[in-house]
Amino acid sequence: MEEQRVSLQVSYLLAEHGFYDNRSITVIPTQSLVQKWLREKYGIHLWVEVDYGDDIQYWIHLRNGEYCKNSVCKYLLYTTYYYSYEEALEAGLEEALKLI
């Protein structure tokens, strides 16, 4: 099983925030690596929750500390449902990058 790489949109946002400063820009990172980078560099914790209702659905949670553009975003729950873990994680990565 191969890990999921981030989309080009997320890759562009990563470039804006210095992710590629000490890395090769020719290699698109995995979702896991970006999730870890956000946690270690910015204190942004992102996780995906699963709902086992009639259909399995996923939604995202973001929690961060000091690296927030306003004081309201200490904890965010996005109520948009996604139909795969990877789709939800990708959306969460994009939203997290918009916070910094």
Protein backbone atom coordinates (compact mmCIF):
# COMPACT_ATOMS: atom_id res chain seq x y z
CA MET A 1 0.00 0.00 0.00
CA GLU A 2 1.38 3.36 -1.02
CA GLU A 3 0.91 6.52 1.04
CA GLN A 4 -1.24 9.29 -0.42
CA ARG A 5 0.61 12.29 -1.84
CA VAL A 6 -0.82 15.79 -1.37
CA SER A 7 -2.58 17.57 -4.21
CA LEU A 8 -0.94 20.29 -6.26
CA GLN A 9 -3.10 22.89 -4.47
CA VAL A 10 -1.74 21.81 -1.09
CA SER A 11 1.77 21.61 -2.56
CA TYR A 12 1.49 25.25 -3.68
CA LEU A 13 0.36 26.29 -0.20
CA LEU A 14 3.28 24.37 1.29
CA ALA A 15 5.69 26.28 -0.93
CA GLU A 16 4.20 29.59 0.26
CA HIS A 17 4.87 28.57 3.87
CA GLY A 18 8.45 27.42 3.39
CA PHE A 19 7.96 23.67 3.42
CA TYR A 20 10.37 23.19 0.52
CA ASP A 21 13.15 25.44 1.90
CA ASN A 22 15.38 22.49 2.78
CA ARG A 23 13.67 19.83 0.65
CA SER A 24 13.58 18.88 -3.00
CA ILE A 25 10.65 20.61 -4.66
CA THR A 26 10.48 17.83 -7.26
CA VAL A 27 9.11 15.34 -4.72
CA ILE A 28 5.52 15.86 -3.67
CA PRO A 29 5.22 15.00 0.04
CA THR A 30 2.83 12.51 1.58
CA GLN A 31 -0.18 13.61 3.59
CA SER A 32 1.39 12.04 6.70
CA LEU A 33 4.60 14.03 6.35
CA VAL A 34 2.71 17.31 5.94
CA GLN A 35 0.48 16.47 8.91
CA LYS A 36 3.60 15.86 11.04
CA TRP A 37 5.27 19.07 9.74
CA LEU A 38 2.21 21.15 10.69
CA ARG A 39 2.20 19.62 14.15
CA GLU A 40 5.93 20.04 14.80
CA LYS A 41 6.48 23.45 13.19
CA TYR A 42 3.21 25.24 13.94
CA GLY A 43 1.55 23.26 16.72
CA ILE A 44 -1.42 22.51 14.47
CA HIS A 45 -3.03 19.17 15.24
CA LEU A 46 -5.20 17.70 12.55
CA TRP A 47 -7.15 14.49 12.77
CA VAL A 48 -9.93 12.77 10.93
CA GLU A 49 -12.94 11.31 12.71
CA VAL A 50 -15.09 8.57 11.29
CA ASP A 51 -18.88 8.28 11.60
CA TYR A 52 -20.24 4.76 11.26
CA GLY A 53 -23.82 5.68 10.43
CA ASP A 54 -25.74 4.34 7.44
CA ASP A 55 -22.73 5.26 5.31
CA ILE A 56 -19.20 5.59 6.62
CA GLN A 57 -18.37 9.30 6.56
CA TYR A 58 -15.36 11.29 7.72
CA TRP A 59 -14.88 14.81 9.01
CA ILE A 60 -11.90 16.84 10.13
CA HIS A 61 -10.78 18.46 13.37
CA LEU A 62 -8.11 21.14 13.68
CA ARG A 63 -6.63 22.38 16.92
CA ASN A 64 -3.84 24.87 17.16
CA GLY A 65 -2.20 27.15 19.62
CA GLU A 66 -0.25 30.31 19.01
CA TYR A 67 -0.07 30.22 15.21
CA CYS A 68 -3.56 31.44 14.51
CA LYS A 69 -4.66 34.53 12.64
CA ASN A 70 -7.35 35.27 15.23
CA SER A 71 -8.26 34.14 18.70
CA VAL A 72 -11.35 32.25 17.56
CA CYS A 73 -9.55 29.32 15.94
CA LYS A 74 -8.18 27.46 18.94
CA TYR A 75 -10.31 24.49 17.92
CA LEU A 76 -12.22 24.01 14.69
CA LEU A 77 -14.54 21.21 13.69
CA TYR A 78 -15.42 21.14 10.04
CA THR A 79 -18.84 19.62 9.58
CA THR A 80 -18.44 18.89 5.89
CA TYR A 81 -18.51 15.13 5.46
CA TYR A 82 -16.11 13.29 3.19
CA TYR A 83 -16.38 9.79 1.81
CA SER A 84 -12.78 8.72 2.29
CA TYR A 85 -10.19 9.23 5.00
CA GLU A 86 -7.67 10.56 2.47
CA GLU A 87 -10.14 13.08 1.04
CA ALA A 88 -10.90 14.38 4.54
CA LEU A 89 -7.22 14.56 5.46
CA GLU A 90 -6.41 16.47 2.25
CA ALA A 91 -9.15 19.02 3.01
CA GLY A 92 -7.85 19.34 6.56
CA LEU A 93 -4.29 19.96 5.36
CA GLU A 94 -5.51 22.71 3.06
CA GLU A 95 -7.54 24.37 5.83
CA ALA A 96 -4.63 24.11 8.27
CA LEU A 97 -2.27 25.78 5.79
CA LYS A 98 -4.75 28.64 5.41
CA LEU A 99 -4.51 29.29 9.18
CA ILE A 100 -0.81 30.10 9.08
